Amino acid sequence: MPEQTLSAPPTSAPSAPDAPPLVPPEVLEAERAVPAAADSKANSGLGWEPAPKPGTAARGGFDARYIAPIFITLILLVGQFSFGVLESLPQTLLAIAASMVTEIVLSRLMTGKWPHLASAYVSGISVGILIRSPYFWPYALCSMIAIASKYVIRVKGRHIWNPSNFAIVMMLWIAWDQVATLSQQWDNRFWAMAIIWTVGSLIIWRLKRFHICATYVVSFLAFGLVRSLIEHQYYVTEISPITGPMYQLFIFFMITDPKTTVRPKWGQCAVAFTIAAVEAVLRLNSNIHLSVHAPYYALFIVGPIANLIEIWYTSRRNRPSSDSPVPVVATA
């Protein structure tokens, strides 16, 4: 016998108005949007500057991801033609090539996408400028470590180390007898230093990260005075390293890297101050290896600790409370 569908007989009694939903629709939509926004921020690209949405460009039609490569190229040209900061041009080109090739290979293997190479160029040229070795292999290996760290060392989708800083410290550990770091200052050529600091400050100001640089520089100068009093050295001697190309890369690129800095502005300033403080302590150390490479080790120590604290705090804050009421879903 075919099934018959029974329907309720019509009634003339007025139906009760629908009960209001327990959770307003707009609240549900907002809750759904929060994870999506977080994922977007956490995976916004691997470059020094956050990647814009596909098909979009920065204001004026210029892609903001090219700002860092242009600026670091300016540092390279001014430093090389004024003082000769490179160990050799072929070694620097090898570092850039190794960085870009590693970026392409890992991006295709792990994401299936073709990467934007601005970040890889910055990492490669930073390695080419900052490390010193008579051999070629340290330049290639350092660049490969820098790029690989972006894909491998991640916590909840976030980097915890600046790639170039991480790679340089690794090379100082595993090849300490074959690798050194750039240590020259700009000599008496004030014009070279003035160009880099002026252009760099304007760019960082436009990117709204000047407060990080300013906090670090002021802290470095203050701790330099403390070191001069402790070690009975001239104050100028203690602060002279900040005039060199190494510190300009460190200040404008490493400590301001958006992917490896905490989110709140006050937190960024606190981290910059702490980096300068740890660096000052390391410079007072009798171990010449630690004192010479103090800024790299300071960022290597402070940066990931700050990021891990923020990641833990964010996860704890977003964790649903056990005391929160559970929405009741009507079943009939």
C-alpha atoms as a PDB file:
ATOM      1  CA  MET A   1       0.000   0.000   0.000  1.00  0.00           C
ATOM      2  CA  PRO A   2       1.496   3.406  -0.903  1.00  0.00           C
ATOM      3  CA  GLU A   3       2.426   5.600   2.018  1.00  0.00           C
ATOM      4  CA  GLN A   4       0.148   8.505   2.724  1.00  0.00           C
ATOM      5  CA  THR A   5       1.406  11.772   4.135  1.00  0.00           C
ATOM      6  CA  LEU A   6      -0.797  13.029   6.914  1.00  0.00           C
ATOM      7  CA  SER A   7      -1.023  16.759   7.296  1.00  0.00           C
ATOM      8  CA  ALA A   8      -2.345  18.639  10.252  1.00  0.00           C
ATOM      9  CA  PRO A   9      -5.896  19.941   9.772  1.00  0.00           C
ATOM     10  CA  PRO A  10      -6.143  23.663   9.271  1.00  0.00           C
ATOM     11  CA  THR A  11      -6.990  25.656  12.314  1.00  0.00           C
ATOM     12  CA  SER A  12      -8.278  29.118  12.715  1.00  0.00           C
ATOM     13  CA  ALA A  13      -6.420  29.676  16.014  1.00  0.00           C
ATOM     14  CA  PRO A  14      -3.751  32.337  15.686  1.00  0.00           C
ATOM     15  CA  SER A  15      -0.261  30.880  15.697  1.00  0.00           C
ATOM     16  CA  ALA A  16       2.178  31.961  18.364  1.00  0.00           C
ATOM     17  CA  PRO A  17       4.849  34.320  17.136  1.00  0.00           C
ATOM     18  CA  ASP A  18       8.221  32.734  16.447  1.00  0.00           C
ATOM     19  CA  ALA A  19      10.524  32.781  19.444  1.00  0.00           C
ATOM     20  CA  PRO A  20      13.547  34.996  18.953  1.00  0.00           C
ATOM     21  CA  PRO A  21      16.716  33.035  18.225  1.00  0.00           C
ATOM     22  CA  LEU A  22      19.011  32.391  21.152  1.00  0.00           C
ATOM     23  CA  VAL A  23      21.982  33.812  19.238  1.00  0.00           C
ATOM     24  CA  PRO A  24      21.310  36.702  16.845  1.00  0.00           C
ATOM     25  CA  PRO A  25      22.344  35.961  13.239  1.00  0.00           C
ATOM     26  CA  GLU A  26      24.714  38.929  13.136  1.00  0.00           C
ATOM     27  CA  VAL A  27      26.617  37.525  16.133  1.00  0.00           C
ATOM     28  CA  LEU A  28      26.989  34.156  14.427  1.00  0.00           C
ATOM     29  CA  GLU A  29      28.293  35.842  11.296  1.00  0.00           C
ATOM     30  CA  ALA A  30      30.824  37.823  13.324  1.00  0.00           C
ATOM     31  CA  GLU A  31      32.030  34.650  15.059  1.00  0.00           C
ATOM     32  CA  ARG A  32      32.456  32.918  11.714  1.00  0.00           C
ATOM     33  CA  ALA A  33      34.443  35.877  10.405  1.00  0.00           C
ATOM     34  CA  VAL A  34      36.965  35.896  13.280  1.00  0.00           C
ATOM     35  CA  PRO A  35      38.802  32.642  12.379  1.00  0.00           C
ATOM     36  CA  ALA A  36      38.797  33.587   8.719  1.00  0.00           C
ATOM     37  CA  ALA A  37      40.390  36.930   9.478  1.00  0.00           C
ATOM     38  CA  ALA A  38      42.973  35.291  11.722  1.00  0.00           C
ATOM     39  CA  ASP A  39      43.870  32.759   9.032  1.00  0.00           C
ATOM     40  CA  SER A  40      44.213  35.560   6.524  1.00  0.00           C
ATOM     41  CA  LYS A  41      46.641  37.421   8.785  1.00  0.00           C
ATOM     42  CA  ALA A  42      48.623  34.319   9.659  1.00  0.00           C
ATOM     43  CA  ASN A  43      49.051  33.269   6.032  1.00  0.00           C
ATOM     44  CA  SER A  44      49.354  36.632   4.352  1.00  0.00           C
ATOM     45  CA  GLY A  45      52.633  35.744   2.681  1.00  0.00           C
ATOM     46  CA  LEU A  46      56.247  35.014   3.471  1.00  0.00           C
ATOM     47  CA  GLY A  47      57.854  38.306   2.469  1.00  0.00           C
ATOM     48  CA  TRP A  48      59.305  41.137   4.514  1.00  0.00           C
ATOM     49  CA  GLU A  49      56.140  43.140   3.784  1.00  0.00           C
ATOM     50  CA  PRO A  50      52.697  41.486   4.163  1.00  0.00           C
ATOM     51  CA  ALA A  51      51.492  40.253   0.819  1.00  0.00           C
ATOM     52  CA  PRO A  52      48.531  42.134  -0.643  1.00  0.00           C
ATOM     53  CA  LYS A  53      45.516  40.316  -1.977  1.00  0.00           C
ATOM     54  CA  PRO A  54      45.996  38.775  -5.425  1.00  0.00           C
ATOM     55  CA  GLY A  55      45.398  41.221  -8.195  1.00  0.00           C
ATOM     56  CA  THR A  56      45.806  44.269  -5.984  1.00  0.00           C
ATOM     57  CA  ALA A  57      48.603  46.778  -5.736  1.00  0.00           C
ATOM     58  CA  ALA A  58      49.669  49.351  -3.273  1.00  0.00           C
ATOM     59  CA  ARG A  59      48.481  52.936  -3.405  1.00  0.00           C
ATOM     60  CA  GLY A  60      49.429  54.576  -6.692  1.00  0.00           C
ATOM     61  CA  GLY A  61      49.630  51.219  -8.495  1.00  0.00           C
ATOM     62  CA  PHE A  62      52.978  50.265  -6.880  1.00  0.00           C
ATOM     63  CA  ASP A  63      53.318  46.899  -5.152  1.00  0.00           C
ATOM     64  CA  ALA A  64      54.547  47.586  -1.600  1.00  0.00           C
ATOM     65  CA  ARG A  65      56.468  44.309  -1.589  1.00  0.00           C
ATOM     66  CA  TYR A  66      59.079  45.925  -3.832  1.00  0.00           C
ATOM     67  CA  ILE A  67      59.936  48.612  -1.267  1.00  0.00           C
ATOM     68  CA  ALA A  68      62.254  46.377   0.773  1.00  0.00           C
ATOM     69  CA  PRO A  69      64.192  45.008  -2.254  1.00  0.00           C
ATOM     70  CA  ILE A  70      64.715  48.514  -3.634  1.00  0.00           C
ATOM     71  CA  PHE A  71      65.885  49.846  -0.288  1.00  0.00           C
ATOM     72  CA  ILE A  72      68.269  46.991   0.451  1.00  0.00           C
ATOM     73  CA  THR A  73      69.712  47.332  -3.053  1.00  0.00           C
ATOM     74  CA  LEU A  74      70.354  51.002  -2.264  1.00  0.00           C
ATOM     75  CA  ILE A  75      72.225  49.966   0.889  1.00  0.00           C
ATOM     76  CA  LEU A  76      74.271  47.504  -1.156  1.00  0.00           C
ATOM     77  CA  LEU A  77      75.194  50.037  -3.834  1.00  0.00           C
ATOM     78  CA  VAL A  78      76.064  52.838  -1.419  1.00  0.00           C
ATOM     79  CA  GLY A  79      78.039  50.508   0.831  1.00  0.00           C
ATOM     80  CA  GLN A  80      79.917  48.852  -2.011  1.00  0.00           C
ATOM     81  CA  PHE A  81      80.843  51.974  -3.954  1.00  0.00           C
ATOM     82  CA  SER A  82      81.746  53.995  -0.866  1.00  0.00           C
ATOM     83  CA  PHE A  83      83.575  51.402   1.209  1.00  0.00           C
ATOM     84  CA  GLY A  84      83.453  47.992  -0.497  1.00  0.00           C
ATOM     85  CA  VAL A  85      81.295  46.096   1.990  1.00  0.00           C
ATOM     86  CA  LEU A  86      80.994  42.915  -0.092  1.00  0.00           C
ATOM     87  CA  GLU A  87      83.382  40.000   0.230  1.00  0.00           C
ATOM     88  CA  SER A  88      82.911  39.530  -3.513  1.00  0.00           C
ATOM     89  CA  LEU A  89      80.118  40.145  -5.989  1.00  0.00           C
ATOM     90  CA  PRO A  90      79.930  36.496  -7.213  1.00  0.00           C
ATOM     91  CA  GLN A  91      79.397  35.260  -3.650  1.00  0.00           C
ATOM     92  CA  THR A  92      76.577  37.750  -3.114  1.00  0.00           C
ATOM     93  CA  LEU A  93      74.956  36.756  -6.409  1.00  0.00           C
ATOM     94  CA  LEU A  94      75.209  33.107  -5.345  1.00  0.00           C
ATOM     95  CA  ALA A  95      73.445  33.926  -2.068  1.00  0.00           C
ATOM     96  CA  ILE A  96      70.629  35.680  -3.938  1.00  0.00           C
ATOM     97  CA  ALA A  97      70.268  32.856  -6.468  1.00  0.00           C
ATOM     98  CA  ALA A  98      70.261  30.149  -3.782  1.00  0.00           C
ATOM     99  CA  SER A  99      67.638  32.049  -1.821  1.00  0.00           C
ATOM    100  CA  MET A 100      65.322  32.458  -4.813  1.00  0.00           C
ATOM    101  CA  VAL A 101      65.693  28.869  -6.017  1.00  0.00           C
ATOM    102  CA  THR A 102      65.009  27.522  -2.524  1.00  0.00           C
ATOM    103  CA  GLU A 103      61.944  29.754  -2.239  1.00  0.00           C
ATOM    104  CA  ILE A 104      60.550  28.492  -5.543  1.00  0.00           C
ATOM    105  CA  VAL A 105      61.210  24.818  -4.776  1.00  0.00           C
ATOM    106  CA  LEU A 106      59.762  24.871  -1.252  1.00  0.00           C
ATOM    107  CA  SER A 107      56.764  26.965  -2.224  1.00  0.00           C
ATOM    108  CA  ARG A 108      55.887  24.612  -5.077  1.00  0.00           C
ATOM    109  CA  LEU A 109      56.390  21.532  -2.895  1.00  0.00           C
ATOM    110  CA  MET A 110      54.551  22.763   0.198  1.00  0.00           C
ATOM    111  CA  THR A 111      51.879  25.106  -1.175  1.00  0.00           C
ATOM    112  CA  GLY A 112      51.700  24.308  -4.874  1.00  0.00           C
ATOM    113  CA  LYS A 113      51.984  28.011  -5.699  1.00  0.00           C
ATOM    114  CA  TRP A 114      54.536  30.205  -7.412  1.00  0.00           C
ATOM    115  CA  PRO A 115      55.949  32.547  -4.756  1.00  0.00           C
ATOM    116  CA  HIS A 116      56.584  36.262  -4.906  1.00  0.00           C
ATOM    117  CA  LEU A 117      60.378  36.486  -4.809  1.00  0.00           C
ATOM    118  CA  ALA A 118      60.759  39.876  -3.113  1.00  0.00           C
ATOM    119  CA  SER A 119      61.248  38.237   0.282  1.00  0.00           C
ATOM    120  CA  ALA A 120      63.770  35.739  -1.084  1.00  0.00           C
ATOM    121  CA  TYR A 121      65.730  38.552  -2.728  1.00  0.00           C
ATOM    122  CA  VAL A 122      65.909  40.464   0.557  1.00  0.00           C
ATOM    123  CA  SER A 123      67.081  37.356   2.429  1.00  0.00           C
ATOM    124  CA  GLY A 124      69.692  36.530  -0.204  1.00  0.00           C
ATOM    125  CA  ILE A 125      71.146  40.014  -0.448  1.00  0.00           C
ATOM    126  CA  SER A 126      71.182  40.299   3.361  1.00  0.00           C
ATOM    127  CA  VAL A 127      73.218  37.103   3.562  1.00  0.00           C
ATOM    128  CA  GLY A 128      75.527  38.359   0.815  1.00  0.00           C
ATOM    129  CA  ILE A 129      76.212  41.566   2.724  1.00  0.00           C
ATOM    130  CA  LEU A 130      76.277  40.319   6.305  1.00  0.00           C
ATOM    131  CA  ILE A 131      78.434  37.193   6.265  1.00  0.00           C
ATOM    132  CA  ARG A 132      82.132  36.916   5.475  1.00  0.00           C
ATOM    133  CA  SER A 133      83.879  33.808   4.181  1.00  0.00           C
ATOM    134  CA  PRO A 134      86.554  33.043   1.598  1.00  0.00           C
ATOM    135  CA  TYR A 135      84.425  30.097   0.446  1.00  0.00           C
ATOM    136  CA  PHE A 136      81.299  30.057  -1.683  1.00  0.00           C
ATOM    137  CA  TRP A 137      79.348  27.303   0.040  1.00  0.00           C
ATOM    138  CA  PRO A 138      78.534  29.293   3.231  1.00  0.00           C
ATOM    139  CA  TYR A 139      76.653  31.877   1.164  1.00  0.00           C
ATOM    140  CA  ALA A 140      74.514  29.253  -0.540  1.00  0.00           C
ATOM    141  CA  LEU A 141      73.906  27.256   2.647  1.00  0.00           C
ATOM    142  CA  CYS A 142      73.048  30.334   4.715  1.00  0.00           C
ATOM    143  CA  SER A 143      70.485  31.474   2.133  1.00  0.00           C
ATOM    144  CA  MET A 144      68.939  28.008   1.974  1.00  0.00           C
ATOM    145  CA  ILE A 145      68.657  27.842   5.779  1.00  0.00           C
ATOM    146  CA  ALA A 146      67.016  31.273   5.854  1.00  0.00           C
ATOM    147  CA  ILE A 147      64.322  30.334   3.347  1.00  0.00           C
ATOM    148  CA  ALA A 148      63.763  26.830   4.729  1.00  0.00           C
ATOM    149  CA  SER A 149      63.201  28.221   8.227  1.00  0.00           C
ATOM    150  CA  LYS A 150      60.175  30.162   6.976  1.00  0.00           C
ATOM    151  CA  TYR A 151      58.453  26.965   5.886  1.00  0.00           C
ATOM    152  CA  VAL A 152      59.626  24.589   8.612  1.00  0.00           C
ATOM    153  CA  ILE A 153      59.844  26.571  11.858  1.00  0.00           C
ATOM    154  CA  ARG A 154      56.298  27.826  12.382  1.00  0.00           C
ATOM    155  CA  VAL A 155      54.039  27.837  15.417  1.00  0.00           C
ATOM    156  CA  LYS A 156      50.310  28.082  14.740  1.00  0.00           C
ATOM    157  CA  GLY A 157      51.042  29.434  11.279  1.00  0.00           C
ATOM    158  CA  ARG A 158      53.460  32.123  12.463  1.00  0.00           C
ATOM    159  CA  HIS A 159      57.220  32.533  12.097  1.00  0.00           C
ATOM    160  CA  ILE A 160      59.088  32.930  15.349  1.00  0.00           C
ATOM    161  CA  TRP A 161      62.567  33.782  13.996  1.00  0.00           C
ATOM    162  CA  ASN A 162      63.607  36.332  11.431  1.00  0.00           C
ATOM    163  CA  PRO A 163      64.880  34.128   8.567  1.00  0.00           C
ATOM    164  CA  SER A 164      68.160  35.947   7.874  1.00  0.00           C
ATOM    165  CA  ASN A 165      68.957  36.323  11.565  1.00  0.00           C
ATOM    166  CA  PHE A 166      68.240  32.645  12.211  1.00  0.00           C
ATOM    167  CA  ALA A 167      70.427  31.530   9.307  1.00  0.00           C
ATOM    168  CA  ILE A 168      73.359  33.753  10.275  1.00  0.00           C
ATOM    169  CA  VAL A 169      73.324  32.488  13.868  1.00  0.00           C
ATOM    170  CA  MET A 170      73.184  28.892  12.621  1.00  0.00           C
ATOM    171  CA  MET A 171      76.210  29.514  10.414  1.00  0.00           C
ATOM    172  CA  LEU A 172      78.087  31.096  13.328  1.00  0.00           C
ATOM    173  CA  TRP A 173      77.451  27.894  15.278  1.00  0.00           C
ATOM    174  CA  ILE A 174      78.113  25.211  12.681  1.00  0.00           C
ATOM    175  CA  ALA A 175      80.912  26.977  10.777  1.00  0.00           C
ATOM    176  CA  TRP A 176      82.339  29.344  13.362  1.00  0.00           C
ATOM    177  CA  ASP A 177      85.884  28.870  12.052  1.00  0.00           C
ATOM    178  CA  GLN A 178      84.950  29.583   8.429  1.00  0.00           C
ATOM    179  CA  VAL A 179      82.284  32.286   8.707  1.00  0.00           C
ATOM    180  CA  ALA A 180      82.365  35.772  10.196  1.00  0.00           C
ATOM    181  CA  THR A 181      79.992  38.723   9.974  1.00  0.00           C
ATOM    182  CA  LEU A 182      80.296  42.207   8.516  1.00  0.00           C
ATOM    183  CA  SER A 183      81.918  44.576  10.979  1.00  0.00           C
ATOM    184  CA  GLN A 184      82.935  47.660   8.982  1.00  0.00           C
ATOM    185  CA  GLN A 185      81.678  51.136   9.725  1.00  0.00           C
ATOM    186  CA  TRP A 186      81.124  53.873   7.158  1.00  0.00           C
ATOM    187  CA  ASP A 187      84.549  55.350   7.958  1.00  0.00           C
ATOM    188  CA  ASN A 188      84.429  59.158   7.595  1.00  0.00           C
ATOM    189  CA  ARG A 189      81.987  59.132   4.704  1.00  0.00           C
ATOM    190  CA  PHE A 190      79.088  60.799   6.441  1.00  0.00           C
ATOM    191  CA  TRP A 191      77.191  61.245   3.172  1.00  0.00           C
ATOM    192  CA  ALA A 192      76.803  57.473   2.749  1.00  0.00           C
ATOM    193  CA  MET A 193      75.407  57.018   6.235  1.00  0.00           C
ATOM    194  CA  ALA A 194      73.136  60.065   5.826  1.00  0.00           C
ATOM    195  CA  ILE A 195      71.607  58.716   2.600  1.00  0.00           C
ATOM    196  CA  ILE A 196      70.781  55.321   4.089  1.00  0.00           C
ATOM    197  CA  TRP A 197      69.416  56.643   7.373  1.00  0.00           C
ATOM    198  CA  THR A 198      67.292  59.317   5.678  1.00  0.00           C
ATOM    199  CA  VAL A 199      65.792  57.067   3.022  1.00  0.00           C
ATOM    200  CA  GLY A 200      65.378  54.193   5.459  1.00  0.00           C
ATOM    201  CA  SER A 201      63.647  56.345   8.055  1.00  0.00           C
ATOM    202  CA  LEU A 202      61.217  57.732   5.472  1.00  0.00           C
ATOM    203  CA  ILE A 203      60.336  54.250   4.217  1.00  0.00           C
ATOM    204  CA  ILE A 204      59.931  52.790   7.691  1.00  0.00           C
ATOM    205  CA  TRP A 205      57.817  55.794   8.694  1.00  0.00           C
ATOM    206  CA  ARG A 206      55.553  55.195   5.700  1.00  0.00           C
ATOM    207  CA  LEU A 207      55.208  51.544   6.710  1.00  0.00           C
ATOM    208  CA  LYS A 208      54.282  52.638  10.264  1.00  0.00           C
ATOM    209  CA  ARG A 209      57.189  50.809  11.929  1.00  0.00           C
ATOM    210  CA  PHE A 210      59.459  53.738  12.719  1.00  0.00           C
ATOM    211  CA  HIS A 211      58.682  53.436  16.430  1.00  0.00           C
ATOM    212  CA  ILE A 212      60.534  50.095  16.495  1.00  0.00           C
ATOM    213  CA  CYS A 213      63.687  51.578  14.979  1.00  0.00           C
ATOM    214  CA  ALA A 214      63.523  54.679  17.178  1.00  0.00           C
ATOM    215  CA  THR A 215      63.100  52.631  20.357  1.00  0.00           C
ATOM    216  CA  TYR A 216      66.047  50.417  19.514  1.00  0.00           C
ATOM    217  CA  VAL A 217      68.353  53.307  18.535  1.00  0.00           C
ATOM    218  CA  VAL A 218      67.564  55.326  21.673  1.00  0.00           C
ATOM    219  CA  SER A 219      68.014  52.212  23.824  1.00  0.00           C
ATOM    220  CA  PHE A 220      71.299  51.351  22.097  1.00  0.00           C
ATOM    221  CA  LEU A 221      72.649  54.859  22.719  1.00  0.00           C
ATOM    222  CA  ALA A 222      71.569  54.734  26.372  1.00  0.00           C
ATOM    223  CA  PHE A 223      73.097  51.307  26.984  1.00  0.00           C
ATOM    224  CA  GLY A 224      76.224  52.484  25.172  1.00  0.00           C
ATOM    225  CA  LEU A 225      76.652  55.106  27.875  1.00  0.00           C
ATOM    226  CA  VAL A 226      76.241  52.434  30.547  1.00  0.00           C
ATOM    227  CA  ARG A 227      78.830  50.214  28.861  1.00  0.00           C
ATOM    228  CA  SER A 228      81.283  53.104  28.554  1.00  0.00           C
ATOM    229  CA  LEU A 229      81.016  53.761  32.295  1.00  0.00           C
ATOM    230  CA  ILE A 230      81.424  50.086  33.187  1.00  0.00           C
ATOM    231  CA  GLU A 231      84.323  49.406  30.830  1.00  0.00           C
ATOM    232  CA  HIS A 232      85.925  52.869  31.161  1.00  0.00           C
ATOM    233  CA  GLN A 233      85.808  53.353  27.395  1.00  0.00           C
ATOM    234  CA  TYR A 234      85.031  56.393  25.302  1.00  0.00           C
ATOM    235  CA  TYR A 235      81.300  56.762  24.654  1.00  0.00           C
ATOM    236  CA  VAL A 236      81.910  57.265  20.920  1.00  0.00           C
ATOM    237  CA  THR A 237      83.747  53.948  20.806  1.00  0.00           C
ATOM    238  CA  GLU A 238      80.780  52.126  22.321  1.00  0.00           C
ATOM    239  CA  ILE A 239      78.181  53.576  19.942  1.00  0.00           C
ATOM    240  CA  SER A 240      80.245  53.671  16.741  1.00  0.00           C
ATOM    241  CA  PRO A 241      79.042  50.242  15.483  1.00  0.00           C
ATOM    242  CA  ILE A 242      75.568  51.667  14.866  1.00  0.00           C
ATOM    243  CA  THR A 243      76.963  53.746  11.994  1.00  0.00           C
ATOM    244  CA  GLY A 244      77.850  50.659   9.954  1.00  0.00           C
ATOM    245  CA  PRO A 245      75.895  48.907   7.176  1.00  0.00           C
ATOM    246  CA  MET A 246      75.399  45.826   9.350  1.00  0.00           C
ATOM    247  CA  TYR A 247      73.396  47.793  11.883  1.00  0.00           C
ATOM    248  CA  GLN A 248      71.383  49.509   9.175  1.00  0.00           C
ATOM    249  CA  LEU A 249      70.246  46.140   7.851  1.00  0.00           C
ATOM    250  CA  PHE A 250      69.631  44.957  11.397  1.00  0.00           C
ATOM    251  CA  ILE A 251      67.571  48.023  12.352  1.00  0.00           C
ATOM    252  CA  PHE A 252      65.599  48.553   9.146  1.00  0.00           C
ATOM    253  CA  PHE A 253      64.976  44.918   8.162  1.00  0.00           C
ATOM    254  CA  MET A 254      65.481  42.381  10.938  1.00  0.00           C
ATOM    255  CA  ILE A 255      63.847  43.905  14.005  1.00  0.00           C
ATOM    256  CA  THR A 256      61.017  45.457  11.940  1.00  0.00           C
ATOM    257  CA  ASP A 257      60.085  42.297  10.015  1.00  0.00           C
ATOM    258  CA  PRO A 258      56.251  42.215  10.203  1.00  0.00           C
ATOM    259  CA  LYS A 259      56.153  38.407  10.167  1.00  0.00           C
ATOM    260  CA  THR A 260      58.385  38.031  13.224  1.00  0.00           C
ATOM    261  CA  THR A 261      57.313  40.924  15.436  1.00  0.00           C
ATOM    262  CA  VAL A 262      54.518  40.987  17.983  1.00  0.00           C
ATOM    263  CA  ARG A 263      51.288  42.767  17.055  1.00  0.00           C
ATOM    264  CA  PRO A 264      50.721  45.576  19.637  1.00  0.00           C
ATOM    265  CA  LYS A 265      52.753  48.738  19.133  1.00  0.00           C
ATOM    266  CA  TRP A 266      53.702  48.878  22.815  1.00  0.00           C
ATOM    267  CA  GLY A 267      54.850  45.269  22.583  1.00  0.00           C
ATOM    268  CA  GLN A 268      57.020  46.045  19.565  1.00  0.00           C
ATOM    269  CA  CYS A 269      58.689  48.885  21.473  1.00  0.00           C
ATOM    270  CA  ALA A 270      59.176  46.655  24.530  1.00  0.00           C
ATOM    271  CA  VAL A 271      60.791  43.943  22.408  1.00  0.00           C
ATOM    272  CA  ALA A 272      63.109  46.466  20.709  1.00  0.00           C
ATOM    273  CA  PHE A 273      64.188  47.765  24.121  1.00  0.00           C
ATOM    274  CA  THR A 274      64.768  44.217  25.384  1.00  0.00           C
ATOM    275  CA  ILE A 275      66.867  43.342  22.328  1.00  0.00           C
ATOM    276  CA  ALA A 276      69.074  46.371  22.993  1.00  0.00           C
ATOM    277  CA  ALA A 277      69.348  45.396  26.678  1.00  0.00           C
ATOM    278  CA  VAL A 278      70.338  41.788  25.938  1.00  0.00           C
ATOM    279  CA  GLU A 279      72.799  43.007  23.325  1.00  0.00           C
ATOM    280  CA  ALA A 280      74.406  45.326  25.896  1.00  0.00           C
ATOM    281  CA  VAL A 281      74.821  42.418  28.317  1.00  0.00           C
ATOM    282  CA  LEU A 282      76.356  40.233  25.608  1.00  0.00           C
ATOM    283  CA  ARG A 283      78.778  43.003  24.656  1.00  0.00           C
ATOM    284  CA  LEU A 284      80.011  43.062  28.242  1.00  0.00           C
ATOM    285  CA  ASN A 285      80.679  39.321  28.092  1.00  0.00           C
ATOM    286  CA  SER A 286      84.299  38.206  28.067  1.00  0.00           C
ATOM    287  CA  ASN A 287      83.525  35.702  25.304  1.00  0.00           C
ATOM    288  CA  ILE A 288      84.685  37.502  22.168  1.00  0.00           C
ATOM    289  CA  HIS A 289      82.371  35.432  19.951  1.00  0.00           C
ATOM    290  CA  LEU A 290      79.280  36.564  21.864  1.00  0.00           C
ATOM    291  CA  SER A 291      80.355  40.182  22.156  1.00  0.00           C
ATOM    292  CA  VAL A 292      81.229  40.606  18.482  1.00  0.00           C
ATOM    293  CA  HIS A 293      77.985  39.037  17.252  1.00  0.00           C
ATOM    294  CA  ALA A 294      75.847  40.435  20.083  1.00  0.00           C
ATOM    295  CA  PRO A 295      72.998  41.953  18.006  1.00  0.00           C
ATOM    296  CA  TYR A 296      72.371  38.700  16.126  1.00  0.00           C
ATOM    297  CA  TYR A 297      72.291  36.638  19.304  1.00  0.00           C
ATOM    298  CA  ALA A 298      70.120  39.206  21.094  1.00  0.00           C
ATOM    299  CA  LEU A 299      67.445  39.073  18.389  1.00  0.00           C
ATOM    300  CA  PHE A 300      67.814  35.290  18.167  1.00  0.00           C
ATOM    301  CA  ILE A 301      67.024  35.014  21.903  1.00  0.00           C
ATOM    302  CA  VAL A 302      64.431  37.740  22.430  1.00  0.00           C
ATOM    303  CA  GLY A 303      62.449  37.507  19.189  1.00  0.00           C
ATOM    304  CA  PRO A 304      61.103  33.946  19.469  1.00  0.00           C
ATOM    305  CA  ILE A 305      60.417  34.293  23.195  1.00  0.00           C
ATOM    306  CA  ALA A 306      58.251  37.354  22.548  1.00  0.00           C
ATOM    307  CA  ASN A 307      56.433  35.642  19.677  1.00  0.00           C
ATOM    308  CA  LEU A 308      55.796  32.453  21.650  1.00  0.00           C
ATOM    309  CA  ILE A 309      54.411  34.448  24.583  1.00  0.00           C
ATOM    310  CA  GLU A 310      52.051  36.292  22.257  1.00  0.00           C
ATOM    311  CA  ILE A 311      50.976  33.061  20.536  1.00  0.00           C
ATOM    312  CA  TRP A 312      50.297  31.417  23.908  1.00  0.00           C
ATOM    313  CA  TYR A 313      48.389  34.433  25.213  1.00  0.00           C
ATOM    314  CA  THR A 314      46.309  34.713  22.037  1.00  0.00           C
ATOM    315  CA  SER A 315      45.435  31.002  22.116  1.00  0.00           C
ATOM    316  CA  ARG A 316      44.506  31.199  25.791  1.00  0.00           C
ATOM    317  CA  ARG A 317      42.354  34.282  25.256  1.00  0.00           C
ATOM    318  CA  ASN A 318      40.521  32.719  22.308  1.00  0.00           C
ATOM    319  CA  ARG A 319      39.952  29.411  24.109  1.00  0.00           C
ATOM    320  CA  PRO A 320      36.248  28.954  24.935  1.00  0.00           C
ATOM    321  CA  SER A 321      35.547  29.143  28.652  1.00  0.00           C
ATOM    322  CA  SER A 322      34.096  26.072  30.380  1.00  0.00           C
ATOM    323  CA  ASP A 323      31.674  28.357  32.214  1.00  0.00           C
ATOM    324  CA  SER A 324      30.237  29.868  29.039  1.00  0.00           C
ATOM    325  CA  PRO A 325      26.619  28.849  28.364  1.00  0.00           C
ATOM    326  CA  VAL A 326      26.037  26.249  25.690  1.00  0.00           C
ATOM    327  CA  PRO A 327      23.442  27.350  23.111  1.00  0.00           C
ATOM    328  CA  VAL A 328      20.290  25.249  23.147  1.00  0.00           C
ATOM    329  CA  VAL A 329      19.109  24.184  19.728  1.00  0.00           C
ATOM    330  CA  ALA A 330      15.416  23.510  19.367  1.00  0.00           C
ATOM    331  CA  THR A 331      14.639  20.034  18.033  1.00  0.00           C
ATOM    332  CA  ALA A 332      10.904  20.351  17.591  1.00  0.00           C
END
